Amino acid sequence: MAFDYSILTNRHRRTVWLRAFRRWQRRPHQVAPLSEEWQRCASCETDYQGNFCPRCGQSAKVGRFSFKTAGLLFLDVWGLGNRGFFRTLRDLLLRPGYMIRDYLNGRQSAYFPPFKMFFILFTFFFLLSYDPKAKEAKEGGQKAGTELVLNDKEAKSDVVKMDSADLDEVDKQAFAKVIDIVEGTKAFAQRNPAIFMLFFLTLISLPLYLFLRRNPAIPDFRYSELLVALVYMENMYLLYGYLALCLPIGSLPDIIHFFAVFMLLVALHQLTGYSKRRLLLYFIPVCILSFILFVFIVVAAILLATLFAYMVVKLQ
């Protein structure tokens, strides 16, 4: 069916279309009605009524192979043959919060599992964004930066403000390992924005739960359900990340990433039933609490990295 372009110019038709689209967004996935016709299973030859054989579980729609069936079998090698995978992709882009709410309310057979989907999408995202030349350049820059910090008497580290000339040999080696760990973590976050976004969503999950645990849509919202919802939102962010990788035109990738962050707010709005304005007000204390938690984690990580570096140097 061709798209009716008059919707873009006709205000009344556009309003009607938007209302229909919003009704579709709120409507849960409709399962096919149970067939009342008698079927004979092609696998175990059992006569039954319904859509699936009660003896072996095979679908009543099994027939001769088509290109569509062959394609699904090919995708099933990577765990993508489930038709719920494509339905989940569509709903994450068009109705993310409503889809997540349906999944949490028990409609799980219609959608792809969130954690399995995350590992599949992240694997493809990593393969698409991987650049061996950029990795070698960054590693060379890290080594040169470490040598400069250790050899230049006037160089100051961004992490620890100390003159390398005043360090003994053991302290120099330990300091170099700390710099390597910090620079390696920073480079990893730059190469893998999806992992960084997952860390960010996990970081804000505790403060966010304090404000969302009793929301209009799910009054008895659980923390475990929030974690599942955040993984689905990370999957949505990865989908927009694919789009940004495929359209490296000027500042378009930055616009897509900004839109993806906005869609996280839309997903929370659809999931919880709170207005966007109220969610924005909630994000102020959530960001403050998350920043305090982040500073605590960074300080603890630096202390552990320093301790680990000294232990490694002492054992050498």
C-alpha atoms as a PDB file:
ATOM      1  CA  MET A   1       0.000   0.000   0.000  1.00  0.00           C
ATOM      2  CA  ALA A   2       1.456   3.356  -1.085  1.00  0.00           C
ATOM      3  CA  PHE A   3       1.949   6.139   1.424  1.00  0.00           C
ATOM      4  CA  ASP A   4      -0.633   8.923   1.192  1.00  0.00           C
ATOM      5  CA  TYR A   5       1.459  12.095   0.950  1.00  0.00           C
ATOM      6  CA  SER A   6      -1.624  14.277   1.400  1.00  0.00           C
ATOM      7  CA  ILE A   7      -1.300  13.562   5.130  1.00  0.00           C
ATOM      8  CA  LEU A   8       1.721  15.891   5.198  1.00  0.00           C
ATOM      9  CA  THR A   9      -0.233  18.847   3.786  1.00  0.00           C
ATOM     10  CA  ASN A  10      -3.808  18.215   4.957  1.00  0.00           C
ATOM     11  CA  ARG A  11      -4.127  19.113   8.642  1.00  0.00           C
ATOM     12  CA  HIS A  12      -7.339  17.157   9.216  1.00  0.00           C
ATOM     13  CA  ARG A  13      -5.993  13.973   7.629  1.00  0.00           C
ATOM     14  CA  ARG A  14      -2.745  14.370   9.572  1.00  0.00           C
ATOM     15  CA  THR A  15      -4.671  14.650  12.850  1.00  0.00           C
ATOM     16  CA  VAL A  16      -6.709  11.550  12.066  1.00  0.00           C
ATOM     17  CA  TRP A  17      -3.576   9.615  11.150  1.00  0.00           C
ATOM     18  CA  LEU A  18      -1.794  10.668  14.367  1.00  0.00           C
ATOM     19  CA  ARG A  19      -4.764   9.575  16.471  1.00  0.00           C
ATOM     20  CA  ALA A  20      -4.819   6.199  14.749  1.00  0.00           C
ATOM     21  CA  PHE A  21      -1.073   5.867  15.258  1.00  0.00           C
ATOM     22  CA  ARG A  22      -1.371   6.643  18.984  1.00  0.00           C
ATOM     23  CA  ARG A  23      -4.150   4.064  19.336  1.00  0.00           C
ATOM     24  CA  TRP A  24      -1.902   1.518  17.634  1.00  0.00           C
ATOM     25  CA  GLN A  25       0.939   2.429  20.017  1.00  0.00           C
ATOM     26  CA  ARG A  26      -1.199   1.739  23.090  1.00  0.00           C
ATOM     27  CA  ARG A  27      -2.739  -1.480  21.747  1.00  0.00           C
ATOM     28  CA  PRO A  28      -0.865  -4.624  22.877  1.00  0.00           C
ATOM     29  CA  HIS A  29       0.223  -7.268  20.416  1.00  0.00           C
ATOM     30  CA  GLN A  30      -2.741  -9.292  19.194  1.00  0.00           C
ATOM     31  CA  VAL A  31      -2.230 -13.055  19.150  1.00  0.00           C
ATOM     32  CA  ALA A  32      -3.756 -14.958  16.221  1.00  0.00           C
ATOM     33  CA  PRO A  33      -7.153 -16.469  17.125  1.00  0.00           C
ATOM     34  CA  LEU A  34      -7.331 -20.156  17.862  1.00  0.00           C
ATOM     35  CA  SER A  35      -8.254 -22.151  14.788  1.00  0.00           C
ATOM     36  CA  GLU A  36     -11.365 -24.346  15.089  1.00  0.00           C
ATOM     37  CA  GLU A  37     -10.506 -26.409  12.021  1.00  0.00           C
ATOM     38  CA  TRP A  38      -9.237 -29.947  12.397  1.00  0.00           C
ATOM     39  CA  GLN A  39      -5.582 -30.258  11.468  1.00  0.00           C
ATOM     40  CA  ARG A  40      -3.301 -33.231  10.906  1.00  0.00           C
ATOM     41  CA  CYS A  41       0.254 -32.731  12.095  1.00  0.00           C
ATOM     42  CA  ALA A  42       2.763 -33.319   9.303  1.00  0.00           C
ATOM     43  CA  SER A  43       5.331 -34.488  11.846  1.00  0.00           C
ATOM     44  CA  CYS A  44       3.510 -36.956  14.158  1.00  0.00           C
ATOM     45  CA  GLU A  45       0.200 -37.304  12.217  1.00  0.00           C
ATOM     46  CA  THR A  46      -1.896 -36.330  15.245  1.00  0.00           C
ATOM     47  CA  ASP A  47      -5.373 -34.923  14.565  1.00  0.00           C
ATOM     48  CA  TYR A  48      -6.100 -31.788  16.579  1.00  0.00           C
ATOM     49  CA  GLN A  49      -7.834 -28.415  16.689  1.00  0.00           C
ATOM     50  CA  GLY A  50      -5.789 -25.274  17.095  1.00  0.00           C
ATOM     51  CA  ASN A  51      -2.663 -23.584  15.764  1.00  0.00           C
ATOM     52  CA  PHE A  52      -0.044 -25.966  17.192  1.00  0.00           C
ATOM     53  CA  CYS A  53       0.144 -29.712  17.609  1.00  0.00           C
ATOM     54  CA  PRO A  54      -0.442 -30.657  21.297  1.00  0.00           C
ATOM     55  CA  ARG A  55       1.813 -33.703  20.913  1.00  0.00           C
ATOM     56  CA  CYS A  56       4.994 -32.342  19.297  1.00  0.00           C
ATOM     57  CA  GLY A  57       4.358 -28.567  19.235  1.00  0.00           C
ATOM     58  CA  GLN A  58       4.749 -28.098  15.479  1.00  0.00           C
ATOM     59  CA  SER A  59       2.826 -25.244  13.867  1.00  0.00           C
ATOM     60  CA  ALA A  60      -0.215 -25.989  11.768  1.00  0.00           C
ATOM     61  CA  LYS A  61       1.055 -23.568   9.111  1.00  0.00           C
ATOM     62  CA  VAL A  62       4.059 -25.707   8.206  1.00  0.00           C
ATOM     63  CA  GLY A  63       4.101 -26.203   4.453  1.00  0.00           C
ATOM     64  CA  ARG A  64       6.521 -26.209   1.581  1.00  0.00           C
ATOM     65  CA  PHE A  65       9.666 -24.130   1.853  1.00  0.00           C
ATOM     66  CA  SER A  66       9.648 -20.571   0.520  1.00  0.00           C
ATOM     67  CA  PHE A  67      12.319 -17.878   0.348  1.00  0.00           C
ATOM     68  CA  LYS A  68      10.866 -16.385   3.537  1.00  0.00           C
ATOM     69  CA  THR A  69      11.089 -19.711   5.383  1.00  0.00           C
ATOM     70  CA  ALA A  70      14.629 -20.296   4.148  1.00  0.00           C
ATOM     71  CA  GLY A  71      15.644 -16.796   5.228  1.00  0.00           C
ATOM     72  CA  LEU A  72      14.243 -17.353   8.730  1.00  0.00           C
ATOM     73  CA  LEU A  73      16.127 -20.650   8.988  1.00  0.00           C
ATOM     74  CA  PHE A  74      19.323 -18.886   7.906  1.00  0.00           C
ATOM     75  CA  LEU A  75      18.834 -16.169  10.539  1.00  0.00           C
ATOM     76  CA  ASP A  76      18.056 -18.799  13.156  1.00  0.00           C
ATOM     77  CA  VAL A  77      21.738 -19.810  13.065  1.00  0.00           C
ATOM     78  CA  TRP A  78      22.479 -16.535  14.931  1.00  0.00           C
ATOM     79  CA  GLY A  79      19.331 -16.736  17.038  1.00  0.00           C
ATOM     80  CA  LEU A  80      17.415 -14.270  14.851  1.00  0.00           C
ATOM     81  CA  GLY A  81      14.946 -16.661  13.239  1.00  0.00           C
ATOM     82  CA  ASN A  82      12.336 -15.921  15.874  1.00  0.00           C
ATOM     83  CA  ARG A  83       9.730 -13.637  14.307  1.00  0.00           C
ATOM     84  CA  GLY A  84       9.458 -11.852  17.639  1.00  0.00           C
ATOM     85  CA  PHE A  85      12.903 -10.370  16.974  1.00  0.00           C
ATOM     86  CA  PHE A  86      11.686  -8.227  14.075  1.00  0.00           C
ATOM     87  CA  ARG A  87       8.504  -7.303  15.941  1.00  0.00           C
ATOM     88  CA  THR A  88      10.651  -6.189  18.875  1.00  0.00           C
ATOM     89  CA  LEU A  89      12.851  -4.060  16.588  1.00  0.00           C
ATOM     90  CA  ARG A  90       9.797  -2.341  15.149  1.00  0.00           C
ATOM     91  CA  ASP A  91       8.158  -1.697  18.516  1.00  0.00           C
ATOM     92  CA  LEU A  92      11.383  -0.424  20.106  1.00  0.00           C
ATOM     93  CA  LEU A  93      11.509   2.272  17.439  1.00  0.00           C
ATOM     94  CA  LEU A  94       7.789   3.137  17.303  1.00  0.00           C
ATOM     95  CA  ARG A  95       6.328   2.277  20.744  1.00  0.00           C
ATOM     96  CA  PRO A  96       9.242   1.485  23.106  1.00  0.00           C
ATOM     97  CA  GLY A  97       7.634   2.209  26.480  1.00  0.00           C
ATOM     98  CA  TYR A  98       4.341   0.487  25.677  1.00  0.00           C
ATOM     99  CA  MET A  99       6.186  -2.557  24.367  1.00  0.00           C
ATOM    100  CA  ILE A 100       8.309  -2.781  27.517  1.00  0.00           C
ATOM    101  CA  ARG A 101       5.186  -2.488  29.675  1.00  0.00           C
ATOM    102  CA  ASP A 102       3.517  -5.289  27.697  1.00  0.00           C
ATOM    103  CA  TYR A 103       6.589  -7.467  28.228  1.00  0.00           C
ATOM    104  CA  LEU A 104       6.641  -6.775  31.976  1.00  0.00           C
ATOM    105  CA  ASN A 105       2.906  -7.521  32.188  1.00  0.00           C
ATOM    106  CA  GLY A 106       3.467 -11.047  30.875  1.00  0.00           C
ATOM    107  CA  ARG A 107       3.261 -10.783  27.062  1.00  0.00           C
ATOM    108  CA  GLN A 108       6.732 -12.277  26.746  1.00  0.00           C
ATOM    109  CA  SER A 109       6.230 -14.828  23.983  1.00  0.00           C
ATOM    110  CA  ALA A 110       5.532 -12.035  21.481  1.00  0.00           C
ATOM    111  CA  TYR A 111       8.894 -10.309  22.003  1.00  0.00           C
ATOM    112  CA  PHE A 112      12.569 -11.166  21.891  1.00  0.00           C
ATOM    113  CA  PRO A 113      14.290 -11.526  25.312  1.00  0.00           C
ATOM    114  CA  PRO A 114      16.054  -8.261  26.286  1.00  0.00           C
ATOM    115  CA  PHE A 115      19.423  -9.616  27.433  1.00  0.00           C
ATOM    116  CA  LYS A 116      19.808 -11.977  24.472  1.00  0.00           C
ATOM    117  CA  MET A 117      18.883  -9.140  22.156  1.00  0.00           C
ATOM    118  CA  PHE A 118      21.443  -6.847  23.778  1.00  0.00           C
ATOM    119  CA  PHE A 119      24.340  -9.264  23.204  1.00  0.00           C
ATOM    120  CA  ILE A 120      23.301  -9.821  19.575  1.00  0.00           C
ATOM    121  CA  LEU A 121      22.909  -6.107  18.818  1.00  0.00           C
ATOM    122  CA  PHE A 122      26.103  -5.188  20.651  1.00  0.00           C
ATOM    123  CA  THR A 123      28.076  -7.827  18.728  1.00  0.00           C
ATOM    124  CA  PHE A 124      26.906  -6.408  15.405  1.00  0.00           C
ATOM    125  CA  PHE A 125      27.488  -2.848  16.628  1.00  0.00           C
ATOM    126  CA  PHE A 126      31.040  -3.734  17.683  1.00  0.00           C
ATOM    127  CA  LEU A 127      31.785  -5.358  14.311  1.00  0.00           C
ATOM    128  CA  LEU A 128      30.427  -2.358  12.401  1.00  0.00           C
ATOM    129  CA  SER A 129      32.275   0.253  14.462  1.00  0.00           C
ATOM    130  CA  TYR A 130      35.562  -1.655  14.801  1.00  0.00           C
ATOM    131  CA  ASP A 131      38.506   0.115  13.129  1.00  0.00           C
ATOM    132  CA  PRO A 132      41.927  -1.622  13.485  1.00  0.00           C
ATOM    133  CA  LYS A 133      43.850   1.447  12.232  1.00  0.00           C
ATOM    134  CA  ALA A 134      42.187   3.709  14.781  1.00  0.00           C
ATOM    135  CA  LYS A 135      42.969   1.196  17.520  1.00  0.00           C
ATOM    136  CA  GLU A 136      46.685   1.127  16.610  1.00  0.00           C
ATOM    137  CA  ALA A 137      46.811   4.931  16.504  1.00  0.00           C
ATOM    138  CA  LYS A 138      45.177   5.224  19.920  1.00  0.00           C
ATOM    139  CA  GLU A 139      47.510   2.608  21.440  1.00  0.00           C
ATOM    140  CA  GLY A 140      50.528   4.455  20.034  1.00  0.00           C
ATOM    141  CA  GLY A 141      49.209   7.722  21.425  1.00  0.00           C
ATOM    142  CA  GLN A 142      48.692   6.136  24.850  1.00  0.00           C
ATOM    143  CA  LYS A 143      52.295   4.823  24.951  1.00  0.00           C
ATOM    144  CA  ALA A 144      53.709   8.166  23.825  1.00  0.00           C
ATOM    145  CA  GLY A 145      51.608   9.985  26.425  1.00  0.00           C
ATOM    146  CA  THR A 146      52.799   7.676  29.194  1.00  0.00           C
ATOM    147  CA  GLU A 147      56.461   8.162  28.249  1.00  0.00           C
ATOM    148  CA  LEU A 148      55.978  11.923  28.120  1.00  0.00           C
ATOM    149  CA  VAL A 149      54.474  11.990  31.602  1.00  0.00           C
ATOM    150  CA  LEU A 150      57.300   9.898  33.033  1.00  0.00           C
ATOM    151  CA  ASN A 151      60.221  11.609  31.282  1.00  0.00           C
ATOM    152  CA  ASP A 152      59.247  15.257  31.367  1.00  0.00           C
ATOM    153  CA  LYS A 153      60.010  16.724  34.780  1.00  0.00           C
ATOM    154  CA  GLU A 154      57.440  19.469  34.375  1.00  0.00           C
ATOM    155  CA  ALA A 155      54.580  17.240  33.084  1.00  0.00           C
ATOM    156  CA  LYS A 156      51.544  16.910  35.288  1.00  0.00           C
ATOM    157  CA  SER A 157      49.056  14.056  35.204  1.00  0.00           C
ATOM    158  CA  ASP A 158      45.316  14.787  34.956  1.00  0.00           C
ATOM    159  CA  VAL A 159      44.650  12.073  37.521  1.00  0.00           C
ATOM    160  CA  VAL A 160      47.430  12.620  40.079  1.00  0.00           C
ATOM    161  CA  LYS A 161      49.222  15.989  40.205  1.00  0.00           C
ATOM    162  CA  MET A 162      52.820  15.036  40.907  1.00  0.00           C
ATOM    163  CA  ASP A 163      56.229  15.622  39.321  1.00  0.00           C
ATOM    164  CA  SER A 164      57.613  12.433  37.781  1.00  0.00           C
ATOM    165  CA  ALA A 165      61.173  13.539  38.604  1.00  0.00           C
ATOM    166  CA  ASP A 166      60.470  13.087  42.314  1.00  0.00           C
ATOM    167  CA  LEU A 167      59.387   9.480  41.902  1.00  0.00           C
ATOM    168  CA  ASP A 168      61.675   6.537  42.480  1.00  0.00           C
ATOM    169  CA  GLU A 169      61.831   3.700  39.976  1.00  0.00           C
ATOM    170  CA  VAL A 170      59.052   1.644  41.594  1.00  0.00           C
ATOM    171  CA  ASP A 171      56.742   4.620  41.848  1.00  0.00           C
ATOM    172  CA  LYS A 172      57.419   5.460  38.206  1.00  0.00           C
ATOM    173  CA  GLN A 173      56.416   2.001  37.057  1.00  0.00           C
ATOM    174  CA  ALA A 174      53.316   1.963  39.249  1.00  0.00           C
ATOM    175  CA  PHE A 175      52.368   5.439  38.100  1.00  0.00           C
ATOM    176  CA  ALA A 176      52.775   4.360  34.472  1.00  0.00           C
ATOM    177  CA  LYS A 177      50.457   1.386  34.989  1.00  0.00           C
ATOM    178  CA  VAL A 178      47.809   3.606  36.587  1.00  0.00           C
ATOM    179  CA  ILE A 179      48.014   5.966  33.600  1.00  0.00           C
ATOM    180  CA  ASP A 180      47.701   2.993  31.231  1.00  0.00           C
ATOM    181  CA  ILE A 181      44.620   1.725  33.078  1.00  0.00           C
ATOM    182  CA  VAL A 182      42.940   5.147  33.071  1.00  0.00           C
ATOM    183  CA  GLU A 183      43.760   5.833  29.417  1.00  0.00           C
ATOM    184  CA  GLY A 184      42.681   2.329  28.424  1.00  0.00           C
ATOM    185  CA  THR A 185      39.336   2.766  30.185  1.00  0.00           C
ATOM    186  CA  LYS A 186      38.822   6.144  28.514  1.00  0.00           C
ATOM    187  CA  ALA A 187      39.665   4.731  25.077  1.00  0.00           C
ATOM    188  CA  PHE A 188      37.321   1.783  25.636  1.00  0.00           C
ATOM    189  CA  ALA A 189      34.451   4.142  26.495  1.00  0.00           C
ATOM    190  CA  GLN A 190      35.130   6.166  23.339  1.00  0.00           C
ATOM    191  CA  ARG A 191      35.232   3.065  21.125  1.00  0.00           C
ATOM    192  CA  ASN A 192      32.146   1.505  22.721  1.00  0.00           C
ATOM    193  CA  PRO A 193      29.502   4.176  23.368  1.00  0.00           C
ATOM    194  CA  ALA A 194      26.851   1.460  23.746  1.00  0.00           C
ATOM    195  CA  ILE A 195      28.671  -0.042  26.724  1.00  0.00           C
ATOM    196  CA  PHE A 196      29.103   3.443  28.179  1.00  0.00           C
ATOM    197  CA  MET A 197      25.356   4.088  27.787  1.00  0.00           C
ATOM    198  CA  LEU A 198      24.579   0.756  29.478  1.00  0.00           C
ATOM    199  CA  PHE A 199      26.870   1.749  32.350  1.00  0.00           C
ATOM    200  CA  PHE A 200      25.152   5.148  32.528  1.00  0.00           C
ATOM    201  CA  LEU A 201      21.670   3.587  32.605  1.00  0.00           C
ATOM    202  CA  THR A 202      22.781   1.127  35.281  1.00  0.00           C
ATOM    203  CA  LEU A 203      24.304   3.977  37.280  1.00  0.00           C
ATOM    204  CA  ILE A 204      21.101   6.004  37.308  1.00  0.00           C
ATOM    205  CA  SER A 205      18.890   2.958  37.935  1.00  0.00           C
ATOM    206  CA  LEU A 206      19.023   3.224  41.736  1.00  0.00           C
ATOM    207  CA  PRO A 207      18.244   6.978  41.934  1.00  0.00           C
ATOM    208  CA  LEU A 208      15.691   6.614  39.141  1.00  0.00           C
ATOM    209  CA  TYR A 209      13.899   3.811  40.953  1.00  0.00           C
ATOM    210  CA  LEU A 210      13.381   6.054  43.986  1.00  0.00           C
ATOM    211  CA  PHE A 211      11.127   8.277  41.852  1.00  0.00           C
ATOM    212  CA  LEU A 212       9.512   5.652  39.574  1.00  0.00           C
ATOM    213  CA  ARG A 213       8.738   2.855  42.023  1.00  0.00           C
ATOM    214  CA  ARG A 214       5.118   4.038  42.363  1.00  0.00           C
ATOM    215  CA  ASN A 215       4.060   5.289  38.956  1.00  0.00           C
ATOM    216  CA  PRO A 216       0.544   5.537  37.458  1.00  0.00           C
ATOM    217  CA  ALA A 217       1.008   2.735  34.923  1.00  0.00           C
ATOM    218  CA  ILE A 218       2.710   0.172  37.237  1.00  0.00           C
ATOM    219  CA  PRO A 219       1.978   1.119  40.879  1.00  0.00           C
ATOM    220  CA  ASP A 220       4.060  -1.738  42.341  1.00  0.00           C
ATOM    221  CA  PHE A 221       7.052  -1.247  40.049  1.00  0.00           C
ATOM    222  CA  ARG A 222      10.007  -3.453  41.030  1.00  0.00           C
ATOM    223  CA  TYR A 223      13.697  -2.648  40.707  1.00  0.00           C
ATOM    224  CA  SER A 224      14.299  -5.852  38.730  1.00  0.00           C
ATOM    225  CA  GLU A 225      11.623  -4.743  36.263  1.00  0.00           C
ATOM    226  CA  LEU A 226      13.338  -1.375  35.897  1.00  0.00           C
ATOM    227  CA  LEU A 227      16.607  -3.146  35.033  1.00  0.00           C
ATOM    228  CA  VAL A 228      14.845  -5.186  32.326  1.00  0.00           C
ATOM    229  CA  ALA A 229      13.278  -1.987  30.986  1.00  0.00           C
ATOM    230  CA  LEU A 230      16.669  -0.243  30.908  1.00  0.00           C
ATOM    231  CA  VAL A 231      18.205  -3.127  28.931  1.00  0.00           C
ATOM    232  CA  TYR A 232      15.425  -2.781  26.355  1.00  0.00           C
ATOM    233  CA  MET A 233      16.103   0.969  26.228  1.00  0.00           C
ATOM    234  CA  GLU A 234      19.777   0.238  25.656  1.00  0.00           C
ATOM    235  CA  ASN A 235      18.735  -2.000  22.743  1.00  0.00           C
ATOM    236  CA  MET A 236      16.746   0.928  21.355  1.00  0.00           C
ATOM    237  CA  TYR A 237      19.813   3.158  21.718  1.00  0.00           C
ATOM    238  CA  LEU A 238      21.887   0.591  19.816  1.00  0.00           C
ATOM    239  CA  LEU A 239      19.392   0.656  16.940  1.00  0.00           C
ATOM    240  CA  TYR A 240      19.827   4.408  16.626  1.00  0.00           C
ATOM    241  CA  GLY A 241      23.579   3.827  16.889  1.00  0.00           C
ATOM    242  CA  TYR A 242      23.356   1.619  13.782  1.00  0.00           C
ATOM    243  CA  LEU A 243      21.564   4.436  11.982  1.00  0.00           C
ATOM    244  CA  ALA A 244      24.282   6.920  13.005  1.00  0.00           C
ATOM    245  CA  LEU A 245      26.993   4.583  11.713  1.00  0.00           C
ATOM    246  CA  CYS A 246      25.228   4.143   8.387  1.00  0.00           C
ATOM    247  CA  LEU A 247      24.720   7.900   7.902  1.00  0.00           C
ATOM    248  CA  PRO A 248      28.098   9.566   8.643  1.00  0.00           C
ATOM    249  CA  ILE A 249      27.043  12.835   7.001  1.00  0.00           C
ATOM    250  CA  GLY A 250      28.276  15.981   8.733  1.00  0.00           C
ATOM    251  CA  SER A 251      26.634  16.443  12.122  1.00  0.00           C
ATOM    252  CA  LEU A 252      23.833  13.975  11.355  1.00  0.00           C
ATOM    253  CA  PRO A 253      25.241  11.238  13.680  1.00  0.00           C
ATOM    254  CA  ASP A 254      25.239  13.725  16.585  1.00  0.00           C
ATOM    255  CA  ILE A 255      21.625  14.648  15.810  1.00  0.00           C
ATOM    256  CA  ILE A 256      20.672  10.963  15.755  1.00  0.00           C
ATOM    257  CA  HIS A 257      22.368  10.348  19.116  1.00  0.00           C
ATOM    258  CA  PHE A 258      20.572  13.359  20.600  1.00  0.00           C
ATOM    259  CA  PHE A 259      17.262  12.036  19.246  1.00  0.00           C
ATOM    260  CA  ALA A 260      18.057   8.622  20.762  1.00  0.00           C
ATOM    261  CA  VAL A 261      18.510  10.249  24.191  1.00  0.00           C
ATOM    262  CA  PHE A 262      15.173  12.031  23.697  1.00  0.00           C
ATOM    263  CA  MET A 263      13.558   8.678  22.862  1.00  0.00           C
ATOM    264  CA  LEU A 264      14.773   7.357  26.228  1.00  0.00           C
ATOM    265  CA  LEU A 265      12.607  10.040  27.828  1.00  0.00           C
ATOM    266  CA  VAL A 266       9.691   9.069  25.565  1.00  0.00           C
ATOM    267  CA  ALA A 267      10.120   5.403  26.540  1.00  0.00           C
ATOM    268  CA  LEU A 268      10.008   6.261  30.255  1.00  0.00           C
ATOM    269  CA  HIS A 269       6.914   8.405  29.618  1.00  0.00           C
ATOM    270  CA  GLN A 270       5.125   5.533  27.877  1.00  0.00           C
ATOM    271  CA  LEU A 271       6.291   2.981  30.444  1.00  0.00           C
ATOM    272  CA  THR A 272       5.382   4.840  33.636  1.00  0.00           C
ATOM    273  CA  GLY A 273       2.525   7.104  32.561  1.00  0.00           C
ATOM    274  CA  TYR A 274       4.251  10.196  33.966  1.00  0.00           C
ATOM    275  CA  SER A 275       4.248  13.345  31.858  1.00  0.00           C
ATOM    276  CA  LYS A 276       7.456  14.358  30.085  1.00  0.00           C
ATOM    277  CA  ARG A 277       7.614  17.544  32.171  1.00  0.00           C
ATOM    278  CA  ARG A 278       7.447  15.581  35.416  1.00  0.00           C
ATOM    279  CA  LEU A 279      10.115  13.167  34.223  1.00  0.00           C
ATOM    280  CA  LEU A 280      12.389  16.104  33.371  1.00  0.00           C
ATOM    281  CA  LEU A 281      11.889  17.453  36.903  1.00  0.00           C
ATOM    282  CA  TYR A 282      12.755  14.024  38.290  1.00  0.00           C
ATOM    283  CA  PHE A 283      15.941  13.921  36.243  1.00  0.00           C
ATOM    284  CA  ILE A 284      17.451  16.871  38.136  1.00  0.00           C
ATOM    285  CA  PRO A 285      17.768  15.053  41.505  1.00  0.00           C
ATOM    286  CA  VAL A 286      18.465  11.776  39.669  1.00  0.00           C
ATOM    287  CA  CYS A 287      21.448  13.353  37.891  1.00  0.00           C
ATOM    288  CA  ILE A 288      22.733  14.865  41.146  1.00  0.00           C
ATOM    289  CA  LEU A 289      22.538  11.539  42.993  1.00  0.00           C
ATOM    290  CA  SER A 290      24.034   9.707  40.008  1.00  0.00           C
ATOM    291  CA  PHE A 291      26.937  12.184  39.858  1.00  0.00           C
ATOM    292  CA  ILE A 292      27.702  11.629  43.542  1.00  0.00           C
ATOM    293  CA  LEU A 293      27.592   7.872  42.988  1.00  0.00           C
ATOM    294  CA  PHE A 294      29.786   8.218  39.894  1.00  0.00           C
ATOM    295  CA  VAL A 295      32.413  10.254  41.770  1.00  0.00           C
ATOM    296  CA  PHE A 296      32.478   7.612  44.496  1.00  0.00           C
ATOM    297  CA  ILE A 297      32.963   4.839  41.911  1.00  0.00           C
ATOM    298  CA  VAL A 298      35.726   6.757  40.109  1.00  0.00           C
ATOM    299  CA  VAL A 299      37.630   7.457  43.329  1.00  0.00           C
ATOM    300  CA  ALA A 300      37.303   3.839  44.417  1.00  0.00           C
ATOM    301  CA  ALA A 301      38.437   2.643  40.967  1.00  0.00           C
ATOM    302  CA  ILE A 302      41.510   4.905  41.012  1.00  0.00           C
ATOM    303  CA  LEU A 303      42.459   3.702  44.487  1.00  0.00           C
ATOM    304  CA  LEU A 304      42.036   0.064  43.441  1.00  0.00           C
ATOM    305  CA  ALA A 305      44.008   0.666  40.224  1.00  0.00           C
ATOM    306  CA  THR A 306      46.830   2.288  42.208  1.00  0.00           C
ATOM    307  CA  LEU A 307      46.883  -0.571  44.695  1.00  0.00           C
ATOM    308  CA  PHE A 308      46.854  -3.119  41.864  1.00  0.00           C
ATOM    309  CA  ALA A 309      49.684  -1.318  40.046  1.00  0.00           C
ATOM    310  CA  TYR A 310      51.887  -1.251  43.166  1.00  0.00           C
ATOM    311  CA  MET A 311      51.247  -4.950  43.776  1.00  0.00           C
ATOM    312  CA  VAL A 312      52.190  -5.822  40.185  1.00  0.00           C
ATOM    313  CA  VAL A 313      55.383  -3.749  40.336  1.00  0.00           C
ATOM    314  CA  LYS A 314      56.414  -5.194  43.693  1.00  0.00           C
ATOM    315  CA  LEU A 315      55.952  -8.754  42.416  1.00  0.00           C
ATOM    316  CA  GLN A 316      58.122  -8.137  39.341  1.00  0.00           C
END
